Structure formats: C-alpha cells, structure tokens
C-alpha cells in the first residue's frame, strides 16, 4: 500500500489544479473503499470533449497528481501516475487527432502543471493536510473562494496550513 501522505499529496495536486482551472469538484477523498482515493468532478466526458479549453484543463487536472508527488518527494513512486497519464493522453488524442500534436501538447501541459503547482504549493500542502486529518473534503470546504490573486489558490477556505506533513516535503 502506498504511503498515505504521498496519496494525500497526489489527490491534493488534482484538487488544486481543478480549483485553479475552474473545474467543478464534488469532493476529494482518501477513504473510498470501492473506488480508492480520488477527486470527484462535476464534469461529463461530453462536456470535456465539447470544449478544447475544458479538455486541456481536464488533462492538466489528470497530470497534477503525479506532478505534486514529484515536487513533494521526487524519489517517491506514484502508482496513480500510469492511469492518470493514460487518461490525459486519451483526452489529448481526442482533442488533437494528430499523435505528434498530442505528444507536444502533453509535454507542454506537464511543464504548465508543474508551474501551476509550484505557484500554489502551500495550497497543495493545506489540502493534503486536511485529507490526512479528515479523509474527505466535502462541499463546504470546496465552496470556498479561489484567491489566486493572493498567490494562494485556496486561501480563506479554512485549510490545514498548520498540519506538517513531513520534514521531507518541499514547501
């Protein structure tokens, strides 16, 4: 079983990317016995495929879990990466239809996702801390305002900035 802290950081990366890109979230959880840890979106495949901007934001959301783990603990293996990467590739393949263009888009999105999470790293740590402490982020936490102008995408939402994850994690 993966280290619960790594799983929390992975899911927090997804959560923060979704919030920063305006993707509607139902909840984030570490404790779903059937589906496992995940962030549940309020977004259908038809909505994703109908709008190129939404498709790109969704692909970035998919890449954000592994990007968060890579920043938090570069040597940590992220088992969630393979499925998320496969889904991001499929999304970009449908969007671009040209394999080379899709591959270039994936490379660009990986850089963009890493930069997004670097800019909002304290929010990733906050969300991971709350997930570790509570197991789930429900609608009341999700409804909080996005405060990107303050340099902290989830500022003011009552996160767990006071929770220390690990001395190995990078802030």
Protein backbone atom coordinates (compact mmCIF):
# COMPACT_ATOMS: atom_id res chain seq x y z
CA UNK A 1 0.00 0.00 0.00
CA UNK A 2 1.25 3.46 -0.88
CA UNK A 3 2.29 5.88 1.85
CA UNK A 4 -0.92 7.71 2.87
CA UNK A 5 0.90 11.05 2.84
CA UNK A 6 2.00 10.51 -0.76
CA UNK A 7 -1.57 9.58 -1.71
CA UNK A 8 -2.85 12.74 0.01
CA UNK A 9 -0.33 14.91 -1.86
CA UNK A 10 -1.33 13.21 -5.15
CA UNK A 11 -5.05 13.91 -4.58
CA UNK A 12 -4.29 17.43 -3.35
CA UNK A 13 -2.46 18.11 -6.62
CA UNK A 14 -5.59 17.11 -8.54
CA UNK A 15 -7.78 19.21 -6.24
CA UNK A 16 -5.68 22.37 -6.51
CA UNK A 17 -5.33 22.07 -10.29
CA UNK A 18 -9.09 21.65 -10.65
CA UNK A 19 -9.76 24.67 -8.43
CA UNK A 20 -7.18 26.82 -10.21
CA UNK A 21 -8.60 25.92 -13.65
CA UNK A 22 -12.24 26.34 -12.66
CA UNK A 23 -13.20 22.68 -12.93
CA UNK A 24 -16.19 21.94 -10.67
CA UNK A 25 -15.44 19.47 -7.87
CA UNK A 26 -17.91 17.31 -5.94
CA UNK A 27 -15.45 16.09 -3.30
CA UNK A 28 -11.95 14.76 -2.67
CA UNK A 29 -11.34 11.64 -0.60
CA UNK A 30 -8.71 9.23 0.59
CA UNK A 31 -11.26 6.84 2.06
CA UNK A 32 -13.50 5.40 -0.69
CA UNK A 33 -13.41 1.61 -0.14
CA UNK A 34 -14.64 0.87 -3.67
CA UNK A 35 -13.01 3.50 -5.88
CA UNK A 36 -9.97 4.26 -3.75
CA UNK A 37 -8.58 7.78 -3.24
CA UNK A 38 -9.84 10.26 -5.83
CA UNK A 39 -11.20 13.70 -6.61
CA UNK A 40 -14.75 13.52 -7.99
CA UNK A 41 -15.53 16.18 -10.57
CA UNK A 42 -18.86 17.55 -11.76
CA UNK A 43 -17.87 17.25 -15.41
CA UNK A 44 -19.01 14.75 -18.04
CA UNK A 45 -16.98 13.28 -20.88
CA UNK A 46 -19.29 15.13 -23.31
CA UNK A 47 -18.52 18.45 -21.60
CA UNK A 48 -14.80 17.71 -21.78
CA UNK A 49 -14.87 16.74 -25.45
CA UNK A 50 -17.12 19.66 -26.47
CA UNK A 51 -14.71 22.43 -25.46
CA UNK A 52 -10.96 22.37 -26.21
CA UNK A 53 -10.20 24.64 -23.24
CA UNK A 54 -12.06 22.28 -20.90
CA UNK A 55 -10.24 19.28 -22.41
CA UNK A 56 -6.86 20.94 -21.79
CA UNK A 57 -7.83 21.87 -18.22
CA UNK A 58 -9.00 18.28 -17.63
CA UNK A 59 -5.75 16.85 -18.98
CA UNK A 60 -3.85 19.21 -16.69
CA UNK A 61 -6.01 18.06 -13.76
CA UNK A 62 -5.06 14.46 -14.59
CA UNK A 63 -1.34 15.27 -14.66
CA UNK A 64 -1.41 17.25 -11.41
CA UNK A 65 -1.39 14.29 -9.01
CA UNK A 66 1.93 12.94 -10.22
CA UNK A 67 3.34 16.45 -10.55
CA UNK A 68 2.51 17.16 -6.90
CA UNK A 69 4.18 13.94 -5.75
CA UNK A 70 7.24 14.69 -7.91
CA UNK A 71 7.57 18.08 -6.21
CA UNK A 72 6.85 16.80 -2.71
CA UNK A 73 9.13 13.79 -2.74
CA UNK A 74 10.93 13.32 -6.09
CA UNK A 75 12.08 9.78 -5.30
CA UNK A 76 8.57 8.56 -4.40
CA UNK A 77 6.91 6.17 -6.81
CA UNK A 78 3.43 7.38 -7.73
CA UNK A 79 1.23 4.41 -8.63
CA UNK A 80 -1.61 6.71 -9.66
CA UNK A 81 0.54 8.19 -12.40
CA UNK A 82 0.04 5.45 -15.01
CA UNK A 83 -3.77 5.61 -15.08
CA UNK A 84 -3.84 9.40 -14.95
CA UNK A 85 -1.23 9.66 -17.73
CA UNK A 86 -3.17 7.21 -19.89
CA UNK A 87 -6.37 9.23 -19.41
CA UNK A 88 -4.55 12.53 -20.14
CA UNK A 89 -3.10 11.04 -23.34
CA UNK A 90 -6.52 9.78 -24.42
CA UNK A 91 -8.04 13.23 -23.79
CA UNK A 92 -5.31 14.93 -25.85
CA UNK A 93 -5.54 12.31 -28.61
CA UNK A 94 -9.28 13.05 -28.96
CA UNK A 95 -8.59 16.78 -28.95
CA UNK A 96 -5.70 16.86 -31.45
CA UNK A 97 -6.23 13.71 -33.54
CA UNK A 98 -2.60 14.06 -34.66
CA UNK A 99 -0.29 11.93 -32.44
CA UNK A 100 2.63 14.35 -32.76
CA UNK A 101 0.50 17.36 -31.81
CA UNK A 102 -0.96 15.44 -28.87
CA UNK A 103 2.52 14.44 -27.68
CA UNK A 104 3.75 18.04 -27.88
CA UNK A 105 0.65 19.22 -26.02
CA UNK A 106 1.32 16.64 -23.29
CA UNK A 107 4.90 17.85 -22.88
CA UNK A 108 3.71 21.45 -22.63
CA UNK A 109 0.97 20.57 -20.16
CA UNK A 110 3.43 18.75 -17.93
CA UNK A 111 5.53 21.92 -17.66
CA UNK A 112 2.44 24.08 -17.18
CA UNK A 113 1.11 21.76 -14.46
CA UNK A 114 4.41 21.78 -12.59
CA UNK A 115 4.44 25.60 -12.73
CA UNK A 116 0.82 25.81 -11.56
CA UNK A 117 1.51 23.61 -8.54
CA UNK A 118 4.71 25.47 -7.73
CA UNK A 119 2.73 28.72 -7.69
CA UNK A 120 0.11 27.20 -5.38
CA UNK A 121 2.30 24.82 -3.39
CA UNK A 122 1.08 25.96 0.01
CA UNK A 123 -2.48 25.16 -1.10
CA UNK A 124 -1.40 21.64 -2.12
CA UNK A 125 0.13 21.13 1.33
CA UNK A 126 -3.00 22.57 3.00
CA UNK A 127 -5.34 20.27 1.07
CA UNK A 128 -3.14 17.22 1.69
CA UNK A 129 -3.11 18.04 5.40
CA UNK A 130 -6.89 18.24 5.56
CA UNK A 131 -7.23 14.99 3.60
CA UNK A 132 -4.86 13.28 6.05
CA UNK A 133 -6.69 14.68 9.06
CA UNK A 134 -10.28 14.22 7.85
CA UNK A 135 -10.14 11.74 4.95
CA UNK A 136 -12.53 13.75 2.77
CA UNK A 137 -13.02 17.32 1.61
CA UNK A 138 -16.74 17.86 1.18
CA UNK A 139 -18.82 20.61 -0.44
CA UNK A 140 -18.47 23.11 2.42
CA UNK A 141 -14.71 23.25 2.01
CA UNK A 142 -14.94 23.18 -1.77
CA UNK A 143 -17.29 26.17 -1.86
CA UNK A 144 -14.59 28.50 -0.55
CA UNK A 145 -13.41 31.28 -2.83
CA UNK A 146 -10.45 30.95 -5.13
CA UNK A 147 -7.92 33.60 -4.15
CA UNK A 148 -5.28 33.27 -6.84
CA UNK A 149 -4.55 36.99 -6.72
CA UNK A 150 -3.16 36.45 -3.22
CA UNK A 151 -0.80 33.80 -4.59
CA UNK A 152 -2.64 31.05 -2.74
CA UNK A 153 -5.33 29.36 -4.78
CA UNK A 154 -7.36 28.12 -1.85
CA UNK A 155 -6.77 30.99 0.59
CA UNK A 156 -9.56 31.67 3.03
CA UNK A 157 -11.11 28.21 2.83
CA UNK A 158 -10.02 27.07 6.28
CA UNK A 159 -7.37 24.61 5.14
CA UNK A 160 -4.78 22.77 7.19
CA UNK A 161 -1.73 25.00 6.84
CA UNK A 162 -0.89 24.18 10.44
CA UNK A 163 -0.55 20.46 9.67
CA UNK A 164 3.02 19.40 8.98
CA UNK A 165 3.19 16.54 6.51
CA UNK A 166 6.81 15.52 6.67
CA UNK A 167 10.23 17.07 7.03
CA UNK A 168 10.98 15.59 3.61
CA UNK A 169 8.23 17.50 1.80
CA UNK A 170 9.19 20.66 -0.07
CA UNK A 171 7.19 23.80 0.58
